[in-house]
Amino acid sequence: MKFNPFPWLSILVALVFSLWVRSALIEQNELGFFCDGGGHTLPCQIRWLAVLSFNHLGLGYFSLFLGLLAVVTRSGWVGFAAGLVGMVGLVLYCWDYAAVGFLLGVLTLARTQFDEHRAQYRTS
């Protein structure tokens, strides 16, 4: 089995998307005034969902939960999910809990990929 770059590239795509949401939708004062004034466009709805997601640190808590679950279960898929949600949480203002969840998830994902690689080339 070769190295699977899909999880790592997906985490990078999540970084780029969350940076775009932060810079183009959340930190734009004009869009904020337009949306608060009754604008019901798609960017206003995405902005509302983004603000709602980090308003009560939901992304950070969810990333921390997934990171702890990844460590307990040693599942690469759960680690991938923790890394993905943690990356978005780091960019969207939930850095305290999202950082821990991101690190736990990414370390679990790297460990499972290393274990698969080591098991493939182990000589008995």
PDB file of N, CA and C in Angstrom:
ATOM      1  N   MET A   1       0.848  -1.180   0.000  1.00  0.00           N
ATOM      2  CA  MET A   1       0.000   0.000   0.000  1.00  0.00           C
ATOM      3  C   MET A   1       0.890   1.239   0.000  1.00  0.00           C
ATOM      4  N   LYS A   2       0.600   2.153  -0.893  1.00  0.00           N
ATOM      5  CA  LYS A   2       1.349   3.387  -0.962  1.00  0.00           C
ATOM      6  C   LYS A   2       0.815   4.388   0.054  1.00  0.00           C
ATOM      7  N   PHE A   3       1.597   5.433   0.210  1.00  0.00           N
ATOM      8  CA  PHE A   3       1.177   6.531   1.078  1.00  0.00           C
ATOM      9  C   PHE A   3      -0.083   7.170   0.514  1.00  0.00           C
ATOM     10  N   ASN A   4      -1.069   7.413   1.362  1.00  0.00           N
ATOM     11  CA  ASN A   4      -2.329   8.001   0.935  1.00  0.00           C
ATOM     12  C   ASN A   4      -2.316   9.499   1.237  1.00  0.00           C
ATOM     13  N   PRO A   5      -2.177  10.340   0.205  1.00  0.00           N
ATOM     14  CA  PRO A   5      -2.128  11.781   0.461  1.00  0.00           C
ATOM     15  C   PRO A   5      -3.510  12.425   0.593  1.00  0.00           C
ATOM     16  N   PHE A   6      -4.590  11.669   0.370  1.00  0.00           N
ATOM     17  CA  PHE A   6      -5.934  12.247   0.392  1.00  0.00           C
ATOM     18  C   PHE A   6      -6.267  12.968   1.703  1.00  0.00           C
ATOM     19  N   PRO A   7      -6.036  12.377   2.872  1.00  0.00           N
ATOM     20  CA  PRO A   7      -6.392  13.111   4.107  1.00  0.00           C
ATOM     21  C   PRO A   7      -5.607  14.402   4.272  1.00  0.00           C
ATOM     22  N   TRP A   8      -4.353  14.390   3.924  1.00  0.00           N
ATOM     23  CA  TRP A   8      -3.520  15.574   4.115  1.00  0.00           C
ATOM     24  C   TRP A   8      -3.902  16.679   3.138  1.00  0.00           C
ATOM     25  N   LEU A   9      -4.207  16.299   1.910  1.00  0.00           N
ATOM     26  CA  LEU A   9      -4.649  17.298   0.936  1.00  0.00           C
ATOM     27  C   LEU A   9      -6.027  17.845   1.297  1.00  0.00           C
ATOM     28  N   SER A  10      -6.880  17.006   1.854  1.00  0.00           N
ATOM     29  CA  SER A  10      -8.203  17.470   2.280  1.00  0.00           C
ATOM     30  C   SER A  10      -8.093  18.468   3.425  1.00  0.00           C
ATOM     31  N   ILE A  11      -7.159  18.254   4.320  1.00  0.00           N
ATOM     32  CA  ILE A  11      -6.945  19.202   5.421  1.00  0.00           C
ATOM     33  C   ILE A  11      -6.435  20.530   4.865  1.00  0.00           C
ATOM     34  N   LEU A  12      -5.581  20.485   3.848  1.00  0.00           N
ATOM     35  CA  LEU A  12      -5.129  21.721   3.214  1.00  0.00           C
ATOM     36  C   LEU A  12      -6.266  22.439   2.495  1.00  0.00           C
ATOM     37  N   VAL A  13      -7.164  21.691   1.849  1.00  0.00           N
ATOM     38  CA  VAL A  13      -8.325  22.297   1.191  1.00  0.00           C
ATOM     39  C   VAL A  13      -9.232  22.946   2.244  1.00  0.00           C
ATOM     40  N   ALA A  14      -9.395  22.287   3.394  1.00  0.00           N
ATOM     41  CA  ALA A  14     -10.194  22.876   4.479  1.00  0.00           C
ATOM     42  C   ALA A  14      -9.548  24.162   4.990  1.00  0.00           C
ATOM     43  N   LEU A  15      -8.219  24.203   5.030  1.00  0.00           N
ATOM     44  CA  LEU A  15      -7.523  25.423   5.436  1.00  0.00           C
ATOM     45  C   LEU A  15      -7.804  26.563   4.462  1.00  0.00           C
ATOM     46  N   VAL A  16      -7.692  26.281   3.171  1.00  0.00           N
ATOM     47  CA  VAL A  16      -7.922  27.319   2.164  1.00  0.00           C
ATOM     48  C   VAL A  16      -9.373  27.794   2.200  1.00  0.00           C
ATOM     49  N   PHE A  17     -10.324  26.853   2.305  1.00  0.00           N
ATOM     50  CA  PHE A  17     -11.737  27.232   2.338  1.00  0.00           C
ATOM     51  C   PHE A  17     -12.066  28.063   3.576  1.00  0.00           C
ATOM     52  N   SER A  18     -11.554  27.662   4.729  1.00  0.00           N
ATOM     53  CA  SER A  18     -11.865  28.417   5.943  1.00  0.00           C
ATOM     54  C   SER A  18     -11.184  29.783   5.942  1.00  0.00           C
ATOM     55  N   LEU A  19     -10.001  29.885   5.326  1.00  0.00           N
ATOM     56  CA  LEU A  19      -9.387  31.208   5.179  1.00  0.00           C
ATOM     57  C   LEU A  19     -10.215  32.098   4.272  1.00  0.00           C
ATOM     58  N   TRP A  20     -10.782  31.524   3.216  1.00  0.00           N
ATOM     59  CA  TRP A  20     -11.651  32.304   2.330  1.00  0.00           C
ATOM     60  C   TRP A  20     -12.910  32.756   3.065  1.00  0.00           C
ATOM     61  N   VAL A  21     -13.522  31.851   3.839  1.00  0.00           N
ATOM     62  CA  VAL A  21     -14.725  32.218   4.596  1.00  0.00           C
ATOM     63  C   VAL A  21     -14.407  33.329   5.582  1.00  0.00           C
ATOM     64  N   ARG A  22     -13.269  33.228   6.228  1.00  0.00           N
ATOM     65  CA  ARG A  22     -12.903  34.248   7.218  1.00  0.00           C
ATOM     66  C   ARG A  22     -12.656  35.601   6.564  1.00  0.00           C
ATOM     67  N   SER A  23     -11.882  35.610   5.478  1.00  0.00           N
ATOM     68  CA  SER A  23     -11.518  36.900   4.892  1.00  0.00           C
ATOM     69  C   SER A  23     -12.619  37.488   4.014  1.00  0.00           C
ATOM     70  N   ALA A  24     -13.357  36.657   3.297  1.00  0.00           N
ATOM     71  CA  ALA A  24     -14.338  37.185   2.350  1.00  0.00           C
ATOM     72  C   ALA A  24     -15.732  37.343   2.942  1.00  0.00           C
ATOM     73  N   LEU A  25     -16.059  36.568   3.948  1.00  0.00           N
ATOM     74  CA  LEU A  25     -17.428  36.617   4.460  1.00  0.00           C
ATOM     75  C   LEU A  25     -17.538  37.179   5.878  1.00  0.00           C
ATOM     76  N   ILE A  26     -16.603  36.856   6.737  1.00  0.00           N
ATOM     77  CA  ILE A  26     -16.750  37.253   8.138  1.00  0.00           C
ATOM     78  C   ILE A  26     -16.153  38.628   8.399  1.00  0.00           C
ATOM     79  N   GLU A  27     -14.973  38.895   7.893  1.00  0.00           N
ATOM     80  CA  GLU A  27     -14.290  40.136   8.223  1.00  0.00           C
ATOM     81  C   GLU A  27     -14.619  41.293   7.287  1.00  0.00           C
ATOM     82  N   GLN A  28     -15.548  41.131   6.407  1.00  0.00           N
ATOM     83  CA  GLN A  28     -15.955  42.206   5.506  1.00  0.00           C
ATOM     84  C   GLN A  28     -17.076  43.014   6.157  1.00  0.00           C
ATOM     85  N   ASN A  29     -16.794  44.257   6.482  1.00  0.00           N
ATOM     86  CA  ASN A  29     -17.776  45.107   7.149  1.00  0.00           C
ATOM     87  C   ASN A  29     -18.985  45.389   6.266  1.00  0.00           C
ATOM     88  N   GLU A  30     -18.752  45.588   4.972  1.00  0.00           N
ATOM     89  CA  GLU A  30     -19.863  45.896   4.076  1.00  0.00           C
ATOM     90  C   GLU A  30     -20.853  44.744   4.007  1.00  0.00           C
ATOM     91  N   LEU A  31     -20.330  43.529   3.931  1.00  0.00           N
ATOM     92  CA  LEU A  31     -21.212  42.359   3.893  1.00  0.00           C
ATOM     93  C   LEU A  31     -21.959  42.202   5.215  1.00  0.00           C
ATOM     94  N   GLY A  32     -21.298  42.513   6.310  1.00  0.00           N
ATOM     95  CA  GLY A  32     -21.960  42.446   7.604  1.00  0.00           C
ATOM     96  C   GLY A  32     -23.112  43.427   7.714  1.00  0.00           C
ATOM     97  N   PHE A  33     -22.896  44.638   7.237  1.00  0.00           N
ATOM     98  CA  PHE A  33     -23.969  45.636   7.258  1.00  0.00           C
ATOM     99  C   PHE A  33     -25.114  45.232   6.338  1.00  0.00           C
ATOM    100  N   PHE A  34     -24.772  44.686   5.171  1.00  0.00           N
ATOM    101  CA  PHE A  34     -25.800  44.244   4.233  1.00  0.00           C
ATOM    102  C   PHE A  34     -26.619  43.095   4.812  1.00  0.00           C
ATOM    103  N   CYS A  35     -25.946  42.129   5.418  1.00  0.00           N
ATOM    104  CA  CYS A  35     -26.660  40.966   5.976  1.00  0.00           C
ATOM    105  C   CYS A  35     -27.492  41.351   7.193  1.00  0.00           C
ATOM    106  N   ASP A  36     -26.986  42.264   8.008  1.00  0.00           N
ATOM    107  CA  ASP A  36     -27.757  42.718   9.167  1.00  0.00           C
ATOM    108  C   ASP A  36     -28.944  43.565   8.755  1.00  0.00           C
ATOM    109  N   GLY A  37     -28.874  44.158   7.579  1.00  0.00           N
ATOM    110  CA  GLY A  37     -29.963  44.991   7.089  1.00  0.00           C
ATOM    111  C   GLY A  37     -31.063  44.208   6.401  1.00  0.00           C
ATOM    112  N   GLY A  38     -30.988  42.889   6.422  1.00  0.00           N
ATOM    113  CA  GLY A  38     -32.060  42.087   5.845  1.00  0.00           C
ATOM    114  C   GLY A  38     -31.685  41.382   4.562  1.00  0.00           C
ATOM    115  N   GLY A  39     -30.407  41.317   4.230  1.00  0.00           N
ATOM    116  CA  GLY A  39     -29.987  40.605   3.035  1.00  0.00           C
ATOM    117  C   GLY A  39     -30.113  39.099   3.219  1.00  0.00           C
ATOM    118  N   HIS A  40     -30.781  38.440   2.306  1.00  0.00           N
ATOM    119  CA  HIS A  40     -30.994  36.990   2.406  1.00  0.00           C
ATOM    120  C   HIS A  40     -30.357  36.277   1.222  1.00  0.00           C
ATOM    121  N   THR A  41     -29.115  36.606   0.937  1.00  0.00           N
ATOM    122  CA  THR A  41     -28.414  35.969  -0.164  1.00  0.00           C
ATOM    123  C   THR A  41     -27.616  34.772   0.352  1.00  0.00           C
ATOM    124  N   LEU A  42     -27.053  34.018  -0.557  1.00  0.00           N
ATOM    125  CA  LEU A  42     -26.261  32.851  -0.178  1.00  0.00           C
ATOM    126  C   LEU A  42     -25.029  33.230   0.644  1.00  0.00           C
ATOM    127  N   PRO A  43     -24.269  34.270   0.288  1.00  0.00           N
ATOM    128  CA  PRO A  43     -23.152  34.656   1.161  1.00  0.00           C
ATOM    129  C   PRO A  43     -23.591  35.048   2.572  1.00  0.00           C
ATOM    130  N   CYS A  44     -24.747  35.660   2.695  1.00  0.00           N
ATOM    131  CA  CYS A  44     -25.244  36.008   4.041  1.00  0.00           C
ATOM    132  C   CYS A  44     -25.577  34.759   4.844  1.00  0.00           C
ATOM    133  N   GLN A  45     -26.145  33.767   4.196  1.00  0.00           N
ATOM    134  CA  GLN A  45     -26.473  32.525   4.896  1.00  0.00           C
ATOM    135  C   GLN A  45     -25.219  31.759   5.292  1.00  0.00           C
ATOM    136  N   ILE A  46     -24.208  31.721   4.413  1.00  0.00           N
ATOM    137  CA  ILE A  46     -22.945  31.062   4.760  1.00  0.00           C
ATOM    138  C   ILE A  46     -22.262  31.815   5.894  1.00  0.00           C
ATOM    139  N   ARG A  47     -22.320  33.140   5.853  1.00  0.00           N
ATOM    140  CA  ARG A  47     -21.730  33.950   6.918  1.00  0.00           C
ATOM    141  C   ARG A  47     -22.438  33.693   8.244  1.00  0.00           C
ATOM    142  N   TRP A  48     -23.745  33.598   8.200  1.00  0.00           N
ATOM    143  CA  TRP A  48     -24.510  33.341   9.423  1.00  0.00           C
ATOM    144  C   TRP A  48     -24.148  31.974  10.000  1.00  0.00           C
ATOM    145  N   LEU A  49     -24.028  30.941   9.156  1.00  0.00           N
ATOM    146  CA  LEU A  49     -23.649  29.612   9.635  1.00  0.00           C
ATOM    147  C   LEU A  49     -22.237  29.601  10.205  1.00  0.00           C
ATOM    148  N   ALA A  50     -21.317  30.316   9.565  1.00  0.00           N
ATOM    149  CA  ALA A  50     -19.945  30.375  10.060  1.00  0.00           C
ATOM    150  C   ALA A  50     -19.879  31.060  11.417  1.00  0.00           C
ATOM    151  N   VAL A  51     -20.580  32.167  11.549  1.00  0.00           N
ATOM    152  CA  VAL A  51     -20.589  32.875  12.836  1.00  0.00           C
ATOM    153  C   VAL A  51     -21.256  32.015  13.912  1.00  0.00           C
ATOM    154  N   LEU A  52     -22.308  31.330  13.541  1.00  0.00           N
ATOM    155  CA  LEU A  52     -22.994  30.454  14.491  1.00  0.00           C
ATOM    156  C   LEU A  52     -22.098  29.302  14.936  1.00  0.00           C
ATOM    157  N   SER A  53     -21.240  28.809  14.045  1.00  0.00           N
ATOM    158  CA  SER A  53     -20.390  27.666  14.378  1.00  0.00           C
ATOM    159  C   SER A  53     -19.308  28.017  15.396  1.00  0.00           C
ATOM    160  N   PHE A  54     -18.804  29.236  15.368  1.00  0.00           N
ATOM    161  CA  PHE A  54     -17.762  29.588  16.340  1.00  0.00           C
ATOM    162  C   PHE A  54     -18.257  30.488  17.459  1.00  0.00           C
ATOM    163  N   ASN A  55     -19.517  30.828  17.451  1.00  0.00           N
ATOM    164  CA  ASN A  55     -20.039  31.724  18.467  1.00  0.00           C
ATOM    165  C   ASN A  55     -19.969  31.110  19.864  1.00  0.00           C
ATOM    166  N   HIS A  56     -20.221  29.827  19.978  1.00  0.00           N
ATOM    167  CA  HIS A  56     -20.178  29.136  21.272  1.00  0.00           C
ATOM    168  C   HIS A  56     -19.069  28.096  21.310  1.00  0.00           C
ATOM    169  N   LEU A  57     -18.016  28.304  20.511  1.00  0.00           N
ATOM    170  CA  LEU A  57     -16.854  27.407  20.431  1.00  0.00           C
ATOM    171  C   LEU A  57     -17.234  25.992  20.020  1.00  0.00           C
ATOM    172  N   GLY A  58     -18.269  25.858  19.201  1.00  0.00           N
ATOM    173  CA  GLY A  58     -18.735  24.538  18.784  1.00  0.00           C
ATOM    174  C   GLY A  58     -17.706  23.778  17.978  1.00  0.00           C
ATOM    175  N   LEU A  59     -16.990  24.456  17.099  1.00  0.00           N
ATOM    176  CA  LEU A  59     -15.965  23.779  16.308  1.00  0.00           C
ATOM    177  C   LEU A  59     -14.837  23.267  17.191  1.00  0.00           C
ATOM    178  N   GLY A  60     -14.450  24.038  18.178  1.00  0.00           N
ATOM    179  CA  GLY A  60     -13.377  23.620  19.082  1.00  0.00           C
ATOM    180  C   GLY A  60     -13.758  22.418  19.920  1.00  0.00           C
ATOM    181  N   TYR A  61     -14.952  22.453  20.482  1.00  0.00           N
ATOM    182  CA  TYR A  61     -15.404  21.321  21.289  1.00  0.00           C
ATOM    183  C   TYR A  61     -15.558  20.055  20.441  1.00  0.00           C
ATOM    184  N   PHE A  62     -16.094  20.204  19.241  1.00  0.00           N
ATOM    185  CA  PHE A  62     -16.287  19.042  18.374  1.00  0.00           C
ATOM    186  C   PHE A  62     -14.944  18.469  17.942  1.00  0.00           C
ATOM    187  N   SER A  63     -13.982  19.329  17.647  1.00  0.00           N
ATOM    188  CA  SER A  63     -12.649  18.859  17.283  1.00  0.00           C
ATOM    189  C   SER A  63     -11.971  18.153  18.451  1.00  0.00           C
ATOM    190  N   LEU A  64     -12.108  18.699  19.639  1.00  0.00           N
ATOM    191  CA  LEU A  64     -11.530  18.059  20.820  1.00  0.00           C
ATOM    192  C   LEU A  64     -12.169  16.700  21.068  1.00  0.00           C
ATOM    193  N   PHE A  65     -13.480  16.612  20.929  1.00  0.00           N
ATOM    194  CA  PHE A  65     -14.166  15.335  21.095  1.00  0.00           C
ATOM    195  C   PHE A  65     -13.674  14.315  20.078  1.00  0.00           C
ATOM    196  N   LEU A  66     -13.573  14.736  18.806  1.00  0.00           N
ATOM    197  CA  LEU A  66     -13.106  13.810  17.770  1.00  0.00           C
ATOM    198  C   LEU A  66     -11.649  13.416  17.991  1.00  0.00           C
ATOM    199  N   GLY A  67     -10.829  14.341  18.458  1.00  0.00           N
ATOM    200  CA  GLY A  67      -9.435  14.026  18.734  1.00  0.00           C
ATOM    201  C   GLY A  67      -9.284  13.021  19.852  1.00  0.00           C
ATOM    202  N   LEU A  68     -10.041  13.186  20.916  1.00  0.00           N
ATOM    203  CA  LEU A  68      -9.998  12.212  22.006  1.00  0.00           C
ATOM    204  C   LEU A  68     -10.540  10.859  21.568  1.00  0.00           C
ATOM    205  N   LEU A  69     -11.599  10.880  20.760  1.00  0.00           N
ATOM    206  CA  LEU A  69     -12.149   9.638  20.235  1.00  0.00           C
ATOM    207  C   LEU A  69     -11.146   8.937  19.319  1.00  0.00           C
ATOM    208  N   ALA A  70     -10.400   9.697  18.551  1.00  0.00           N
ATOM    209  CA  ALA A  70      -9.387   9.109  17.668  1.00  0.00           C
ATOM    210  C   ALA A  70      -8.271   8.450  18.464  1.00  0.00           C
ATOM    211  N   VAL A  71      -7.873   9.077  19.556  1.00  0.00           N
ATOM    212  CA  VAL A  71      -6.819   8.502  20.376  1.00  0.00           C
ATOM    213  C   VAL A  71      -7.303   7.219  21.050  1.00  0.00           C
ATOM    214  N   VAL A  72      -8.528   7.236  21.538  1.00  0.00           N
ATOM    215  CA  VAL A  72      -9.053   6.055  22.232  1.00  0.00           C
ATOM    216  C   VAL A  72      -9.270   4.894  21.265  1.00  0.00           C
ATOM    217  N   THR A  73      -9.843   5.172  20.104  1.00  0.00           N
ATOM    218  CA  THR A  73     -10.150   4.100  19.159  1.00  0.00           C
ATOM    219  C   THR A  73      -9.001   3.783  18.205  1.00  0.00           C
ATOM    220  N   ARG A  74      -8.011   4.663  18.124  1.00  0.00           N
ATOM    221  CA  ARG A  74      -6.883   4.522  17.190  1.00  0.00           C
ATOM    222  C   ARG A  74      -7.367   4.392  15.749  1.00  0.00           C
ATOM    223  N   SER A  75      -8.388   5.136  15.420  1.00  0.00           N
ATOM    224  CA  SER A  75      -8.967   5.104  14.086  1.00  0.00           C
ATOM    225  C   SER A  75      -8.404   6.245  13.257  1.00  0.00           C
ATOM    226  N   GLY A  76      -7.914   5.899  12.078  1.00  0.00           N
ATOM    227  CA  GLY A  76      -7.389   6.916  11.185  1.00  0.00           C
ATOM    228  C   GLY A  76      -8.467   7.817  10.625  1.00  0.00           C
ATOM    229  N   TRP A  77      -9.651   7.262  10.396  1.00  0.00           N
ATOM    230  CA  TRP A  77     -10.753   8.073   9.853  1.00  0.00           C
ATOM    231  C   TRP A  77     -11.241   9.096  10.866  1.00  0.00           C
ATOM    232  N   VAL A  78     -11.306   8.703  12.111  1.00  0.00           N
ATOM    233  CA  VAL A  78     -11.715   9.662  13.145  1.00  0.00           C
ATOM    234  C   VAL A  78     -10.623  10.711  13.334  1.00  0.00           C
ATOM    235  N   GLY A  79      -9.369  10.293  13.233  1.00  0.00           N
ATOM    236  CA  GLY A  79      -8.264  11.244  13.290  1.00  0.00           C
ATOM    237  C   GLY A  79      -8.302  12.228  12.133  1.00  0.00           C
ATOM    238  N   PHE A  80      -8.662  11.732  10.959  1.00  0.00           N
ATOM    239  CA  PHE A  80      -8.813  12.605   9.794  1.00  0.00           C
ATOM    240  C   PHE A  80      -9.925  13.622  10.022  1.00  0.00           C
ATOM    241  N   ALA A  81     -11.054  13.171  10.565  1.00  0.00           N
ATOM    242  CA  ALA A  81     -12.168  14.082  10.845  1.00  0.00           C
ATOM    243  C   ALA A  81     -11.769  15.119  11.893  1.00  0.00           C
ATOM    244  N   ALA A  82     -11.027  14.690  12.920  1.00  0.00           N
ATOM    245  CA  ALA A  82     -10.563  15.636  13.946  1.00  0.00           C
ATOM    246  C   ALA A  82      -9.603  16.651  13.356  1.00  0.00           C
ATOM    247  N   GLY A  83      -8.747  16.220  12.458  1.00  0.00           N
ATOM    248  CA  GLY A  83      -7.831  17.153  11.808  1.00  0.00           C
ATOM    249  C   GLY A  83      -8.550  18.145  10.923  1.00  0.00           C
ATOM    250  N   LEU A  84      -9.561  17.665  10.228  1.00  0.00           N
ATOM    251  CA  LEU A  84     -10.337  18.527   9.333  1.00  0.00           C
ATOM    252  C   LEU A  84     -11.110  19.585  10.121  1.00  0.00           C
ATOM    253  N   VAL A  85     -11.848  19.144  11.121  1.00  0.00           N
ATOM    254  CA  VAL A  85     -12.637  20.080  11.937  1.00  0.00           C
ATOM    255  C   VAL A  85     -11.709  20.986  12.747  1.00  0.00           C
ATOM    256  N   GLY A  86     -10.597  20.430  13.215  1.00  0.00           N
ATOM    257  CA  GLY A  86      -9.643  21.234  13.972  1.00  0.00           C
ATOM    258  C   GLY A  86      -9.017  22.328  13.138  1.00  0.00           C
ATOM    259  N   MET A  87      -8.721  22.034  11.867  1.00  0.00           N
ATOM    260  CA  MET A  87      -8.150  23.050  10.992  1.00  0.00           C
ATOM    261  C   MET A  87      -9.131  24.200  10.768  1.00  0.00           C
ATOM    262  N   VAL A  88     -10.385  23.855  10.533  1.00  0.00           N
ATOM    263  CA  VAL A  88     -11.399  24.896  10.351  1.00  0.00           C
ATOM    264  C   VAL A  88     -11.583  25.688  11.649  1.00  0.00           C
ATOM    265  N   GLY A  89     -11.566  25.003  12.773  1.00  0.00           N
ATOM    266  CA  GLY A  89     -11.703  25.683  14.055  1.00  0.00           C
ATOM    267  C   GLY A  89     -10.531  26.598  14.373  1.00  0.00           C
ATOM    268  N   LEU A  90      -9.331  26.196  13.972  1.00  0.00           N
ATOM    269  CA  LEU A  90      -8.165  27.051  14.199  1.00  0.00           C
ATOM    270  C   LEU A  90      -8.277  28.368  13.442  1.00  0.00           C
ATOM    271  N   VAL A  91      -8.787  28.318  12.234  1.00  0.00           N
ATOM    272  CA  VAL A  91      -8.905  29.534  11.436  1.00  0.00           C
ATOM    273  C   VAL A  91     -10.106  30.366  11.868  1.00  0.00           C
ATOM    274  N   LEU A  92     -11.184  29.698  12.266  1.00  0.00           N
ATOM    275  CA  LEU A  92     -12.421  30.413  12.603  1.00  0.00           C
ATOM    276  C   LEU A  92     -12.577  30.626  14.109  1.00  0.00           C
ATOM    277  N   TYR A  93     -11.550  31.146  14.738  1.00  0.00           N
ATOM    278  CA  TYR A  93     -11.616  31.721  16.083  1.00  0.00           C
ATOM    279  C   TYR A  93     -11.901  30.743  17.219  1.00  0.00           C
ATOM    280  N   CYS A  94     -11.694  29.448  17.053  1.00  0.00           N
ATOM    281  CA  CYS A  94     -11.887  28.478  18.146  1.00  0.00           C
ATOM    282  C   CYS A  94     -10.570  27.775  18.449  1.00  0.00           C
ATOM    283  N   TRP A  95      -9.480  28.532  18.521  1.00  0.00           N
ATOM    284  CA  TRP A  95      -8.161  27.922  18.521  1.00  0.00           C
ATOM    285  C   TRP A  95      -7.809  27.179  19.797  1.00  0.00           C
ATOM    286  N   ASP A  96      -8.402  27.474  20.919  1.00  0.00           N
ATOM    287  CA  ASP A  96      -7.976  26.834  22.161  1.00  0.00           C
ATOM    288  C   ASP A  96      -8.274  25.334  22.164  1.00  0.00           C
ATOM    289  N   TYR A  97      -9.512  24.939  21.957  1.00  0.00           N
ATOM    290  CA  TYR A  97      -9.857  23.521  21.953  1.00  0.00           C
ATOM    291  C   TYR A  97      -9.582  22.866  20.596  1.00  0.00           C
ATOM    292  N   ALA A  98      -9.701  23.637  19.523  1.00  0.00           N
ATOM    293  CA  ALA A  98      -9.466  23.083  18.193  1.00  0.00           C
ATOM    294  C   ALA A  98      -8.007  22.705  18.002  1.00  0.00           C
ATOM    295  N   ALA A  99      -7.094  23.411  18.632  1.00  0.00           N
ATOM    296  CA  ALA A  99      -5.675  23.084  18.498  1.00  0.00           C
ATOM    297  C   ALA A  99      -5.375  21.719  19.096  1.00  0.00           C
ATOM    298  N   VAL A 100      -5.939  21.438  20.245  1.00  0.00           N
ATOM    299  CA  VAL A 100      -5.710  20.145  20.888  1.00  0.00           C
ATOM    300  C   VAL A 100      -6.356  19.026  20.072  1.00  0.00           C
ATOM    301  N   GLY A 101      -7.586  19.243  19.616  1.00  0.00           N
ATOM    302  CA  GLY A 101      -8.254  18.243  18.796  1.00  0.00           C
ATOM    303  C   GLY A 101      -7.541  18.014  17.481  1.00  0.00           C
ATOM    304  N   PHE A 102      -7.048  19.102  16.864  1.00  0.00           N
ATOM    305  CA  PHE A 102      -6.310  18.981  15.615  1.00  0.00           C
ATOM    306  C   PHE A 102      -5.043  18.158  15.815  1.00  0.00           C
ATOM    307  N   LEU A 103      -4.279  18.467  16.847  1.00  0.00           N
ATOM    308  CA  LEU A 103      -3.040  17.733  17.091  1.00  0.00           C
ATOM    309  C   LEU A 103      -3.291  16.267  17.407  1.00  0.00           C
ATOM    310  N   LEU A 104      -4.282  15.981  18.228  1.00  0.00           N
ATOM    311  CA  LEU A 104      -4.589  14.585  18.535  1.00  0.00           C
ATOM    312  C   LEU A 104      -5.025  13.831  17.288  1.00  0.00           C
ATOM    313  N   GLY A 105      -5.854  14.465  16.468  1.00  0.00           N
ATOM    314  CA  GLY A 105      -6.324  13.816  15.256  1.00  0.00           C
ATOM    315  C   GLY A 105      -5.229  13.585  14.239  1.00  0.00           C
ATOM    316  N   VAL A 106      -4.387  14.594  14.018  1.00  0.00           N
ATOM    317  CA  VAL A 106      -3.319  14.470  13.030  1.00  0.00           C
ATOM    318  C   VAL A 106      -2.272  13.460  13.481  1.00  0.00           C
ATOM    319  N   LEU A 107      -1.953  13.458  14.762  1.00  0.00           N
ATOM    320  CA  LEU A 107      -0.995  12.470  15.256  1.00  0.00           C
ATOM    321  C   LEU A 107      -1.538  11.053  15.152  1.00  0.00           C
ATOM    322  N   THR A 108      -2.821  10.875  15.415  1.00  0.00           N
ATOM    323  CA  THR A 108      -3.430   9.543  15.267  1.00  0.00           C
ATOM    324  C   THR A 108      -3.462   9.124  13.806  1.00  0.00           C
ATOM    325  N   LEU A 109      -3.784  10.041  12.922  1.00  0.00           N
ATOM    326  CA  LEU A 109      -3.793   9.738  11.492  1.00  0.00           C
ATOM    327  C   LEU A 109      -2.401   9.360  11.009  1.00  0.00           C
ATOM    328  N   ALA A 110      -1.388  10.112  11.412  1.00  0.00           N
ATOM    329  CA  ALA A 110      -0.023   9.792  11.009  1.00  0.00           C
ATOM    330  C   ALA A 110       0.420   8.445  11.574  1.00  0.00           C
ATOM    331  N   ARG A 111       0.015   8.163  12.789  1.00  0.00           N
ATOM    332  CA  ARG A 111       0.394   6.883  13.406  1.00  0.00           C
ATOM    333  C   ARG A 111      -0.245   5.697  12.686  1.00  0.00           C
ATOM    334  N   THR A 112      -1.506   5.822  12.315  1.00  0.00           N
ATOM    335  CA  THR A 112      -2.155   4.710  11.613  1.00  0.00           C
ATOM    336  C   THR A 112      -1.542   4.510  10.234  1.00  0.00           C
ATOM    337  N   GLN A 113      -1.188   5.597   9.545  1.00  0.00           N
ATOM    338  CA  GLN A 113      -0.542   5.440   8.236  1.00  0.00           C
ATOM    339  C   GLN A 113       0.848   4.827   8.386  1.00  0.00           C
ATOM    340  N   PHE A 114       1.565   5.197   9.429  1.00  0.00           N
ATOM    341  CA  PHE A 114       2.883   4.609   9.661  1.00  0.00           C
ATOM    342  C   PHE A 114       2.763   3.134  10.020  1.00  0.00           C
ATOM    343  N   ASP A 115       1.780   2.776  10.836  1.00  0.00           N
ATOM    344  CA  ASP A 115       1.593   1.364  11.193  1.00  0.00           C
ATOM    345  C   ASP A 115       1.251   0.516   9.978  1.00  0.00           C
ATOM    346  N   GLU A 116       0.421   1.040   9.067  1.00  0.00           N
ATOM    347  CA  GLU A 116       0.099   0.311   7.844  1.00  0.00           C
ATOM    348  C   GLU A 116       1.335   0.138   6.973  1.00  0.00           C
ATOM    349  N   HIS A 117       2.152   1.179   6.886  1.00  0.00           N
ATOM    350  CA  HIS A 117       3.372   1.112   6.093  1.00  0.00           C
ATOM    351  C   HIS A 117       4.367   0.114   6.706  1.00  0.00           C
ATOM    352  N   ARG A 118       4.499   0.148   8.018  1.00  0.00           N
ATOM    353  CA  ARG A 118       5.430  -0.754   8.692  1.00  0.00           C
ATOM    354  C   ARG A 118       4.976  -2.201   8.584  1.00  0.00           C
ATOM    355  N   ALA A 119       3.669  -2.446   8.676  1.00  0.00           N
ATOM    356  CA  ALA A 119       3.152  -3.817   8.575  1.00  0.00           C
ATOM    357  C   ALA A 119       3.349  -4.359   7.156  1.00  0.00           C
ATOM    358  N   GLN A 120       3.329  -3.507   6.176  1.00  0.00           N
ATOM    359  CA  GLN A 120       3.489  -3.948   4.791  1.00  0.00           C
ATOM    360  C   GLN A 120       4.920  -4.412   4.526  1.00  0.00           C
ATOM    361  N   TYR A 121       5.890  -3.738   5.096  1.00  0.00           N
ATOM    362  CA  TYR A 121       7.296  -4.038   4.816  1.00  0.00           C
ATOM    363  C   TYR A 121       7.995  -4.804   5.932  1.00  0.00           C
ATOM    364  N   ARG A 122       7.247  -5.308   6.861  1.00  0.00           N
ATOM    365  CA  ARG A 122       7.842  -6.081   7.959  1.00  0.00           C
ATOM    366  C   ARG A 122       8.227  -7.472   7.454  1.00  0.00           C
ATOM    367  N   THR A 123       9.415  -7.888   7.787  1.00  0.00           N
ATOM    368  CA  THR A 123       9.858  -9.242   7.413  1.00  0.00           C
ATOM    369  C   THR A 123       9.693 -10.152   8.615  1.00  0.00           C
ATOM    370  N   SER A 124       9.134 -11.301   8.368  1.00  0.00           N
ATOM    371  CA  SER A 124       8.892 -12.229   9.479  1.00  0.00           C
ATOM    372  C   SER A 124      10.019 -13.181   9.660  1.00  0.00           C
TER     373      SER A 124
END
